[in-house]
Protein backbone atom coordinates (compact mmCIF):
# COMPACT_ATOMS: atom_id res chain seq x y z
CA UNK A 1 213.82 144.32 161.51
CA UNK A 2 209.97 144.18 162.13
CA UNK A 3 208.41 141.15 163.22
CA UNK A 4 205.60 140.18 160.83
CA UNK A 5 202.31 137.86 161.96
CA UNK A 6 201.61 135.49 159.65
CA UNK A 7 197.76 135.08 160.07
CA UNK A 8 196.40 131.14 159.52
CA UNK A 9 193.56 130.94 156.59
CA UNK A 10 190.54 131.06 157.63
CA UNK A 11 188.43 127.55 157.49
CA UNK A 12 185.62 128.22 154.52
CA UNK A 13 182.64 126.96 156.65
CA UNK A 14 181.68 124.25 159.19
CA UNK A 15 182.75 120.80 159.33
CA UNK A 16 181.03 117.86 157.34
CA UNK A 17 180.54 116.51 161.01
CA UNK A 18 178.87 120.09 161.67
CA UNK A 19 176.67 120.08 158.48
CA UNK A 20 175.64 116.79 159.12
CA UNK A 21 174.48 117.04 162.55
CA UNK A 22 172.69 120.50 161.58
CA UNK A 23 170.93 118.18 158.54
CA UNK A 24 170.00 115.36 161.23
CA UNK A 25 168.67 117.82 164.25
CA UNK A 26 167.30 120.26 161.38
CA UNK A 27 164.91 117.81 159.47
CA UNK A 28 161.65 117.41 161.74
CA UNK A 29 160.42 114.34 160.56
CA UNK A 30 164.16 112.52 161.28
CA UNK A 31 163.77 114.09 165.07
CA UNK A 32 160.54 113.15 165.81
CA UNK A 33 161.01 109.33 164.06
CA UNK A 34 164.09 108.99 165.67
CA UNK A 35 162.87 110.15 168.93
CA UNK A 36 160.39 107.91 169.04
CA UNK A 37 161.73 104.88 168.43
CA UNK A 38 164.61 105.50 170.76
CA UNK A 39 161.92 105.67 173.10
CA UNK A 40 160.34 102.40 172.53
CA UNK A 41 163.85 100.65 172.24
CA UNK A 42 164.61 101.79 175.58
CA UNK A 43 161.22 100.68 177.07
CA UNK A 44 161.83 97.11 175.31
CA UNK A 45 165.61 96.72 176.43
CA UNK A 46 163.99 98.10 180.24
CA UNK A 47 161.08 96.11 180.25
CA UNK A 48 162.52 93.95 182.81
CA UNK A 49 163.13 96.97 185.17
CA UNK A 50 160.34 99.60 184.82
CA UNK A 51 157.40 96.79 184.33
CA UNK A 52 155.32 97.24 187.38
CA UNK A 53 154.24 93.36 187.39
CA UNK A 54 155.30 90.24 185.78
CA UNK A 55 153.55 89.88 182.38
CA UNK A 56 152.78 86.25 182.70
CA UNK A 57 151.27 85.96 186.35
CA UNK A 58 147.67 85.38 186.09
CA UNK A 59 145.30 87.38 188.90
CA UNK A 60 141.93 86.03 187.79
CA UNK A 61 139.79 87.73 190.71
CA UNK A 62 141.04 90.98 189.00
CA UNK A 63 140.14 90.50 185.45
CA UNK A 64 139.18 93.62 183.10
CA UNK A 65 140.58 96.18 185.66
CA UNK A 66 140.03 99.33 184.09
CA UNK A 67 143.09 101.90 183.34
CA UNK A 68 143.90 104.40 185.87
CA UNK A 69 142.29 107.62 183.78
CA UNK A 70 138.91 105.20 184.04
CA UNK A 71 136.34 104.62 186.93
CA UNK A 72 137.62 102.38 188.69
CA UNK A 73 140.95 102.09 187.70
CA UNK A 74 143.93 102.27 190.02
CA UNK A 75 147.77 102.89 190.06
CA UNK A 76 148.80 99.69 190.88
CA UNK A 77 147.79 98.64 187.36
CA UNK A 78 148.11 101.68 185.18
CA UNK A 79 146.48 100.16 181.79
CA UNK A 80 144.32 97.73 183.68
CA UNK A 81 144.40 94.20 183.18
CA UNK A 82 143.17 91.49 180.85
CA UNK A 83 141.05 88.75 180.69
CA UNK A 84 142.98 86.70 182.26
CA UNK A 85 143.92 89.82 185.12
CA UNK A 86 147.51 90.10 183.89
CA UNK A 87 149.11 93.76 184.05
CA UNK A 88 148.24 95.25 180.70
CA UNK A 89 151.42 98.06 181.01
CA UNK A 90 154.02 94.87 181.39
CA UNK A 91 152.93 93.14 178.82
CA UNK A 92 152.56 96.29 176.48
CA UNK A 93 156.44 96.71 177.69
CA UNK A 94 157.46 93.24 176.87
CA UNK A 95 155.48 93.35 173.41
CA UNK A 96 157.69 96.11 172.33
CA UNK A 97 160.68 93.70 172.45
CA UNK A 98 158.55 90.89 170.08
CA UNK A 99 157.38 93.86 167.48
CA UNK A 100 160.93 94.82 167.53
CA UNK A 101 162.71 91.51 167.18
CA UNK A 102 160.84 90.53 164.79
CA UNK A 103 161.02 93.51 162.18
CA UNK A 104 164.54 93.96 162.81
CA UNK A 105 165.05 89.97 162.16
CA UNK A 106 162.90 89.69 159.49
CA UNK A 107 164.55 92.79 157.52
CA UNK A 108 168.10 91.62 158.39
CA UNK A 109 167.05 88.08 156.73
CA UNK A 110 165.58 89.83 153.86
CA UNK A 111 168.13 92.25 153.23
CA UNK A 112 170.51 90.12 153.12
CA UNK A 113 168.77 88.16 150.72
CA UNK A 114 167.43 90.43 148.27
CA UNK A 115 170.53 92.78 148.27
CA UNK A 116 172.66 90.07 147.35
CA UNK A 117 170.52 89.25 144.60
CA UNK A 118 169.82 92.62 143.68
CA UNK A 119 173.65 93.64 143.21
CA UNK A 120 174.37 90.80 141.42
CA UNK A 121 171.81 91.37 138.77
CA UNK A 122 172.52 95.09 138.30
CA UNK A 123 176.15 94.75 138.35
CA UNK A 124 176.74 91.22 136.13
CA UNK A 125 173.64 91.96 133.95
CA UNK A 126 173.02 89.20 131.20
CA UNK A 127 171.73 85.63 132.46
CA UNK A 128 172.52 86.72 135.86
CA UNK A 129 170.02 89.37 135.79
CA UNK A 130 167.37 87.07 133.79
CA UNK A 131 167.52 84.56 136.48
CA UNK A 132 166.89 87.42 139.20
CA UNK A 133 164.04 89.08 137.38
CA UNK A 134 162.35 85.91 137.03
CA UNK A 135 162.66 84.95 140.84
CA UNK A 136 161.25 88.34 141.53
CA UNK A 137 158.43 87.81 139.22
CA UNK A 138 157.80 84.48 141.22
CA UNK A 139 157.65 86.15 144.12
CA UNK A 140 155.49 88.75 143.52
CA UNK A 141 153.15 86.68 142.12
CA UNK A 142 152.76 85.05 145.46
CA UNK A 143 150.36 86.94 148.02
CA UNK A 144 152.40 87.48 151.19
CA UNK A 145 149.49 87.05 153.41
CA UNK A 146 148.19 83.93 152.08
CA UNK A 147 151.82 82.40 151.83
CA UNK A 148 152.65 83.32 155.43
CA UNK A 149 149.25 82.32 156.76
CA UNK A 150 149.62 78.75 154.79
CA UNK A 151 153.16 78.34 156.33
CA UNK A 152 152.43 79.28 159.73
CA UNK A 153 149.32 77.12 159.61
CA UNK A 154 151.57 74.12 158.29
CA UNK A 155 154.48 74.26 160.73
CA UNK A 156 152.95 75.94 163.51
CA UNK A 157 153.14 79.27 165.07
CA UNK A 158 155.98 80.40 166.95
CA UNK A 159 158.12 83.28 167.08
CA UNK A 160 160.74 81.45 165.15
CA UNK A 161 158.56 79.86 162.42
CA UNK A 162 157.20 83.82 162.01
CA UNK A 163 160.64 85.86 161.97
CA UNK A 164 161.94 82.87 159.28
CA UNK A 165 158.66 83.30 157.31
CA UNK A 166 158.62 87.07 157.01
CA UNK A 167 162.63 86.96 156.25
CA UNK A 168 161.98 84.43 153.40
CA UNK A 169 159.18 86.61 151.88
CA UNK A 170 160.02 90.42 151.94
CA UNK A 171 163.29 90.45 150.00
CA UNK A 172 161.75 91.44 146.53
CA UNK A 173 161.68 94.80 147.24
CA UNK A 174 165.26 94.75 148.31
CA UNK A 175 166.33 93.13 144.98
CA UNK A 176 164.50 95.67 142.95
CA UNK A 177 165.66 98.48 144.34
CA UNK A 178 169.29 97.35 144.97
CA UNK A 179 169.56 96.18 141.01
CA UNK A 180 168.20 99.50 139.90
CA UNK A 181 170.30 101.83 142.19
CA UNK A 182 173.41 99.20 140.96
CA UNK A 183 172.32 99.41 137.13
CA UNK A 184 172.88 103.31 137.65
CA UNK A 185 176.35 103.25 139.14
CA UNK A 186 177.86 100.02 137.25
CA UNK A 187 179.51 101.98 134.19
CA UNK A 188 180.62 105.35 135.82
CA UNK A 189 184.01 106.73 135.77
CA UNK A 190 185.08 105.53 139.39
CA UNK A 191 183.79 102.12 139.03
CA UNK A 192 185.50 101.60 135.54
CA UNK A 193 188.70 103.28 137.19
CA UNK A 194 188.67 100.52 139.68
CA UNK A 195 188.21 97.53 136.75
CA UNK A 196 191.34 99.37 135.15
CA UNK A 197 193.47 99.03 138.23
CA UNK A 198 192.79 95.48 138.21
CA UNK A 199 190.67 95.61 141.73
CA UNK A 200 188.79 92.04 141.95
CA UNK A 201 184.87 91.63 141.36
CA UNK A 202 184.29 91.32 145.32
CA UNK A 203 186.41 94.37 146.29
CA UNK A 204 184.35 96.50 143.49
CA UNK A 205 181.39 95.41 144.72
CA UNK A 206 181.96 95.55 148.74
CA UNK A 207 184.06 98.89 148.54
CA UNK A 208 182.66 100.59 145.42
CA UNK A 209 179.14 99.92 144.79
CA UNK A 210 177.92 98.95 148.14
CA UNK A 211 178.87 102.56 149.87
CA UNK A 212 177.13 104.31 147.16
CA UNK A 213 173.57 102.12 147.12
CA UNK A 214 173.65 102.39 150.98
CA UNK A 215 171.25 105.23 151.17
CA UNK A 216 168.57 103.66 149.32
CA UNK A 217 169.47 100.22 151.18
CA UNK A 218 168.57 101.96 154.63
CA UNK A 219 165.64 103.53 153.43
CA UNK A 220 164.11 100.00 152.42
CA UNK A 221 165.19 98.23 155.55
CA UNK A 222 163.02 100.60 157.75
CA UNK A 223 159.92 100.21 155.43
CA UNK A 224 160.22 96.23 155.44
CA UNK A 225 161.17 96.32 159.04
CA UNK A 226 157.51 97.94 159.36
CA UNK A 227 156.24 95.85 156.70
CA UNK A 228 157.19 92.69 159.01
CA UNK A 229 155.79 94.09 161.87
CA UNK A 230 152.51 95.10 160.65
CA UNK A 231 152.27 91.29 159.21
CA UNK A 232 153.33 89.82 162.81
CA UNK A 233 150.68 91.65 163.84
CA UNK A 234 148.34 90.52 161.31
CA UNK A 235 149.15 86.52 161.75
CA UNK A 236 148.84 87.03 165.87
CA UNK A 237 145.38 88.38 165.21
CA UNK A 238 144.29 85.60 163.17
CA UNK A 239 145.82 83.02 166.11
CA UNK A 240 148.47 81.96 163.66
CA UNK A 241 151.26 83.83 164.82
CA UNK A 242 153.26 84.52 167.89
CA UNK A 243 151.66 81.87 170.20
CA UNK A 244 150.31 82.76 174.15
CA UNK A 245 151.46 83.52 176.49
CA UNK A 246 154.39 85.71 174.36
CA UNK A 247 152.94 89.64 174.93
CA UNK A 248 152.89 90.45 170.93
CA UNK A 249 150.88 93.40 170.23
CA UNK A 250 148.59 91.74 167.59
CA UNK A 251 148.31 89.03 169.81
CA UNK A 252 146.85 91.34 172.44
CA UNK A 253 144.32 92.91 170.30
CA UNK A 254 142.91 89.45 169.21
CA UNK A 255 142.27 88.70 173.01
CA UNK A 256 140.60 91.89 173.47
CA UNK A 257 138.24 91.72 170.22
CA UNK A 258 135.57 89.73 171.98
CA UNK A 259 135.22 92.80 174.75
CA UNK A 260 135.31 95.45 172.12
CA UNK A 261 132.01 97.05 173.04
CA UNK A 262 132.51 96.82 176.67
CA UNK A 263 136.36 97.20 177.30
CA UNK A 264 137.38 99.05 174.09
CA UNK A 265 140.90 100.24 175.88
CA UNK A 266 141.87 96.65 175.45
CA UNK A 267 142.43 96.89 172.04
CA UNK A 268 143.01 100.61 171.80
CA UNK A 269 145.90 100.33 173.72
CA UNK A 270 148.02 98.26 172.06
CA UNK A 271 147.01 99.31 168.44
CA UNK A 272 147.90 102.96 169.52
CA UNK A 273 151.20 101.29 170.89
CA UNK A 274 151.78 99.55 167.09
CA UNK A 275 150.62 102.49 165.18
CA UNK A 276 153.33 104.79 166.94
CA UNK A 277 155.78 102.30 166.27
CA UNK A 278 155.35 102.01 162.52
CA UNK A 279 155.03 105.58 162.47
CA UNK A 280 158.04 106.30 164.23
CA UNK A 281 159.93 103.64 161.62
CA UNK A 282 158.21 105.49 159.02
CA UNK A 283 159.40 108.84 159.81
CA UNK A 284 162.71 107.64 160.41
CA UNK A 285 163.02 106.33 157.35
CA UNK A 286 161.99 109.33 155.32
CA UNK A 287 164.07 111.41 157.32
CA UNK A 288 167.37 109.41 156.58
CA UNK A 289 166.29 109.44 152.50
CA UNK A 290 166.17 113.15 152.46
CA UNK A 291 169.39 113.71 155.06
CA UNK A 292 171.30 111.16 152.95
CA UNK A 293 169.88 112.19 149.23
CA UNK A 294 173.24 113.39 146.93
CA UNK A 295 171.48 116.83 146.63
CA UNK A 296 171.54 117.50 150.26
CA UNK A 297 174.91 116.64 150.74
CA UNK A 298 176.14 120.60 150.24
């Protein structure tokens, strides 16, 4: 009897993981934003190792030293020094920690508040939805910057106060988006099937609702993280945010504004750093939205 060879069926295409990698690395905005943000995060985490000087040490005899690319600059202070002789590169690296900390923590606080309110309103509807919509309307009627200025002026400027105020003020977008997304899926077949099987409400919310609104939630997190960083910089620029001697980028811009006409790099350097961070976060958020959109999951 002749021996027959049975060939295994060939796979129909690349695996889900391979498709995901292809979408991630094939998206230019996601790659650029993720790469820049990763670099900034690494610089912030390794600031204690790569910073050439202590960011708090003052050297009054070496005030306003020029960056290395300008006349009179030197490699000892690559980005020059500020009005107190502190190394600008070191303060820039440590300032990344402040900006990222405020952005992440404020986005987490506001995200938890807004997501709970939005999902509850979208799923239960009725009186719960009416109460949440009233709170959203009240929140939207309050100017964020003015309220933040008033609260910080009342309780004093500090890192804890700034993070708390921003976290308690930026939840409205989370609530609106999560409410809309939840209302779109609450009557779909798989939600109805979960109810028919006797699943509890918390289980439906955690295992059925949340995974299907996660894409929109991630996008809003990136937007509000960038928003919080900009607001912190604005508060610090006005002298009501992070207080000296902490190396906040907004505070560095504020300290350099008096020398704008004579030493413009004092504002340009932290300004470019702030722009680059916000740009990277927004590019990353847009890329995540595109990659995880349902129409791109083929």
